[in-house]
Protein backbone atom coordinates (compact mmCIF):
# COMPACT_ATOMS: atom_id res chain seq x y z
CA UNK A 1 6.85 -19.40 -1.43
CA UNK A 2 3.29 -19.88 0.52
CA UNK A 3 5.44 -19.73 3.69
CA UNK A 4 7.52 -16.81 2.85
CA UNK A 5 3.61 -14.52 1.69
CA UNK A 6 2.91 -15.81 5.14
CA UNK A 7 6.31 -14.72 6.79
CA UNK A 8 5.81 -11.40 4.87
CA UNK A 9 2.35 -10.96 6.35
CA UNK A 10 2.95 -12.45 9.95
CA UNK A 11 6.55 -10.95 10.43
CA UNK A 12 7.01 -8.40 8.20
CA UNK A 13 9.77 -8.19 5.60
CA UNK A 14 12.52 -7.54 7.64
CA UNK A 15 12.01 -9.96 10.70
CA UNK A 16 11.58 -12.26 8.45
CA UNK A 17 14.70 -15.48 8.60
CA UNK A 18 15.01 -18.20 6.64
CA UNK A 19 14.14 -20.15 9.76
CA UNK A 20 10.96 -18.81 9.77
CA UNK A 21 10.00 -19.30 6.01
CA UNK A 22 11.18 -22.70 6.51
CA UNK A 23 9.55 -23.41 9.74
CA UNK A 24 6.27 -21.95 7.85
CA UNK A 25 6.64 -23.69 4.66
CA UNK A 26 7.78 -26.97 6.13
CA UNK A 27 10.73 -27.49 3.94
CA UNK A 28 14.17 -27.45 4.49
CA UNK A 29 17.08 -24.88 4.49
CA UNK A 30 18.45 -25.72 1.92
CA UNK A 31 15.95 -25.75 -0.34
CA UNK A 32 15.60 -22.46 -0.02
CA UNK A 33 19.31 -21.52 -1.63
CA UNK A 34 18.89 -24.39 -3.77
CA UNK A 35 15.28 -22.85 -5.71
CA UNK A 36 15.91 -19.64 -5.25
CA UNK A 37 19.79 -18.62 -4.54
CA UNK A 38 18.83 -16.98 -1.38
CA UNK A 39 16.07 -15.87 1.06
CA UNK A 40 16.14 -12.31 0.07
CA UNK A 41 15.79 -13.36 -3.53
CA UNK A 42 12.71 -15.94 -2.42
CA UNK A 43 11.25 -12.89 -0.31
CA UNK A 44 11.22 -10.13 -3.06
CA UNK A 45 9.63 -12.92 -5.77
CA UNK A 46 7.04 -14.02 -3.01
CA UNK A 47 6.46 -10.10 -2.59
CA UNK A 48 5.88 -9.06 -6.28
CA UNK A 49 3.59 -11.85 -6.66
CA UNK A 50 1.33 -11.44 -3.76
CA UNK A 51 1.26 -7.87 -4.87
CA UNK A 52 -0.03 -9.13 -7.99
CA UNK A 53 -2.31 -11.62 -7.03
CA UNK A 54 -3.86 -8.48 -4.90
CA UNK A 55 -4.21 -6.45 -7.81
CA UNK A 56 -6.04 -9.11 -9.92
CA UNK A 57 -8.24 -9.39 -7.28
CA UNK A 58 -8.93 -5.59 -6.49
CA UNK A 59 -9.14 -5.49 -10.76
CA UNK A 60 -11.94 -7.95 -10.05
CA UNK A 61 -13.97 -5.91 -7.32
CA UNK A 62 -13.59 -2.99 -10.29
CA UNK A 63 -15.52 -4.98 -12.57
CA UNK A 64 -18.55 -4.84 -10.69
CA UNK A 65 -18.00 -0.71 -11.40
CA UNK A 66 -21.32 1.59 -12.72
CA UNK A 67 -20.41 1.60 -16.56
CA UNK A 68 -22.89 4.91 -17.38
CA UNK A 69 -20.58 6.98 -14.49
CA UNK A 70 -18.72 9.91 -15.79
CA UNK A 71 -14.80 9.45 -16.06
CA UNK A 72 -14.22 11.25 -12.79
CA UNK A 73 -17.01 9.03 -10.97
CA UNK A 74 -15.25 6.39 -11.83
CA UNK A 75 -12.13 7.77 -10.99
CA UNK A 76 -13.19 8.53 -7.53
CA UNK A 77 -14.94 4.61 -7.48
CA UNK A 78 -11.53 2.83 -8.03
CA UNK A 79 -10.29 5.21 -5.30
CA UNK A 80 -12.87 4.69 -2.82
CA UNK A 81 -12.85 0.78 -3.64
CA UNK A 82 -8.91 0.68 -3.43
CA UNK A 83 -9.16 2.77 0.03
CA UNK A 84 -12.23 0.41 1.45
CA UNK A 85 -9.42 -2.41 0.83
CA UNK A 86 -6.39 -1.26 2.39
CA UNK A 87 -7.36 -2.78 5.63
CA UNK A 88 -7.11 -6.25 4.00
CA UNK A 89 -3.48 -5.77 2.58
CA UNK A 90 -1.97 -3.35 5.04
CA UNK A 91 0.77 -5.86 5.92
CA UNK A 92 0.71 -6.82 2.29
CA UNK A 93 1.68 -3.25 1.44
CA UNK A 94 3.90 -2.46 4.95
CA UNK A 95 6.40 -5.01 3.80
CA UNK A 96 6.74 -3.94 0.68
CA UNK A 97 7.63 -0.45 2.25
CA UNK A 98 9.94 -2.43 4.57
CA UNK A 99 11.81 -3.85 1.25
CA UNK A 100 12.30 -0.02 -0.37
CA UNK A 101 14.82 0.43 3.12
CA UNK A 102 16.77 -2.34 1.38
CA UNK A 103 17.60 -1.30 -1.85
CA UNK A 104 21.20 0.86 -1.57
CA UNK A 105 22.13 -2.56 0.14
CA UNK A 106 20.96 -5.22 -1.46
CA UNK A 107 20.98 -4.59 -5.19
CA UNK A 108 18.16 -7.80 -5.79
CA UNK A 109 15.76 -5.94 -3.70
CA UNK A 110 16.45 -2.94 -6.09
CA UNK A 111 15.94 -5.26 -8.95
CA UNK A 112 12.93 -7.17 -7.91
CA UNK A 113 11.45 -3.69 -6.67
CA UNK A 114 11.62 -1.85 -10.11
CA UNK A 115 9.99 -4.71 -11.61
CA UNK A 116 7.20 -4.71 -9.23
CA UNK A 117 6.85 -1.06 -9.85
CA UNK A 118 6.82 -1.51 -13.69
CA UNK A 119 4.47 -4.06 -13.23
CA UNK A 120 2.58 -1.38 -11.27
CA UNK A 121 2.58 1.11 -13.90
CA UNK A 122 0.83 -1.55 -16.49
CA UNK A 123 -1.48 -2.55 -14.05
CA UNK A 124 -2.78 0.58 -12.92
CA UNK A 125 -3.25 1.39 -16.93
CA UNK A 126 -5.08 -2.04 -17.08
CA UNK A 127 -7.22 -0.95 -13.82
CA UNK A 128 -8.24 2.22 -15.37
CA UNK A 129 -8.53 0.57 -18.88
CA UNK A 130 -10.93 -1.85 -17.50
CA UNK A 131 -13.67 1.39 -16.05
CA UNK A 132 -12.99 3.17 -19.32
CA UNK A 133 -10.64 6.11 -18.49
CA UNK A 134 -8.72 5.90 -21.65
CA UNK A 135 -9.30 5.70 -25.19
CA UNK A 136 -8.42 3.00 -27.59
CA UNK A 137 -6.30 5.14 -29.10
CA UNK A 138 -4.19 6.36 -26.47
CA UNK A 139 -0.54 5.85 -27.38
CA UNK A 140 1.94 3.56 -25.78
CA UNK A 141 4.39 6.19 -24.34
CA UNK A 142 1.53 8.30 -22.65
CA UNK A 143 -0.02 5.09 -21.49
CA UNK A 144 3.44 4.63 -19.40
CA UNK A 145 3.07 8.33 -18.15
CA UNK A 146 -0.48 7.62 -16.91
CA UNK A 147 0.38 4.50 -15.63
CA UNK A 148 3.67 6.34 -13.50
CA UNK A 149 1.23 8.94 -12.25
CA UNK A 150 -0.90 6.55 -10.47
CA UNK A 151 1.32 4.48 -9.74
CA UNK A 152 3.03 7.51 -7.94
CA UNK A 153 -0.64 8.63 -6.43
CA UNK A 154 -1.32 4.62 -4.87
CA UNK A 155 2.74 5.00 -3.43
CA UNK A 156 1.47 8.18 -2.13
CA UNK A 157 -2.14 7.43 -0.77
CA UNK A 158 -1.13 3.81 0.85
CA UNK A 159 1.88 5.39 3.25
CA UNK A 160 -0.65 7.91 4.25
CA UNK A 161 -2.77 4.88 5.30
CA UNK A 162 0.23 3.45 6.68
CA UNK A 163 1.56 6.82 9.04
CA UNK A 164 -1.92 8.74 9.53
CA UNK A 165 -5.14 6.95 8.22
CA UNK A 166 -7.66 9.03 10.15
CA UNK A 167 -6.09 11.94 8.12
CA UNK A 168 -5.70 10.28 4.45
CA UNK A 169 -7.55 11.00 1.84
CA UNK A 170 -11.03 9.45 0.58
CA UNK A 171 -11.70 8.47 -2.92
CA UNK A 172 -13.75 11.85 -3.37
CA UNK A 173 -10.88 13.80 -1.66
CA UNK A 174 -8.96 12.21 -4.60
CA UNK A 175 -11.67 13.24 -7.35
CA UNK A 176 -12.70 16.49 -5.98
CA UNK A 177 -8.73 17.27 -6.00
CA UNK A 178 -8.22 16.05 -9.63
CA UNK A 179 -11.69 18.44 -10.14
CA UNK A 180 -9.89 21.33 -9.26
CA UNK A 181 -6.64 20.39 -11.24
CA UNK A 182 -8.52 20.09 -14.49
CA UNK A 183 -11.16 23.12 -13.75
CA UNK A 184 -7.50 25.36 -13.28
CA UNK A 185 -6.04 23.59 -16.52
CA UNK A 186 -9.38 24.74 -18.37
CA UNK A 187 -9.23 28.23 -16.88
CA UNK A 188 -5.60 28.33 -17.60
CA UNK A 189 -5.87 27.13 -21.07
CA UNK A 190 -8.92 29.36 -22.08
CA UNK A 191 -7.13 32.83 -20.81
CA UNK A 192 -4.21 31.78 -22.94
CA UNK A 193 -6.64 31.64 -26.06
CA UNK A 194 -8.72 34.47 -25.29
CA UNK A 195 -5.21 36.21 -24.38
């Protein structure tokens, strides 16, 4: 597994061969099929595991947050830290995006990515729970919807950082956008109430 993770980071998803994994790990070619079924299955498992490990490291970094900050300030802090961490995880995210191109051709890739997305939704909820962005009474359907929203936001921000980092949003940009959206919702709600 360690060899597969190193290959993902050094060579990328699409360019990694079974022989690359064998060379990196010091095992034999038959062991990939025996333990994982195929090179693709091993790479998918390695990718999901590596992203999960990255998420745990990120969660630990967030634990150092400012407990007295308001929700939008905490939102900004989370995104600022995530964007700051991106250069360290760039190759891993690039490998993840490469895997997306396989979903119509390799069903096991689609399954692994779908599983990874579900974990990403849950992980996003946990990250924002840890910094006090949810009430304890928030129902599961709402948590799932918010997790999906954050996961979509992560994917979009990462895509921008990969393609055009100089123009990608900052944590402040995202918080300012959320402030503007919330202000518009409050304004429209107030106008509807007074009508």
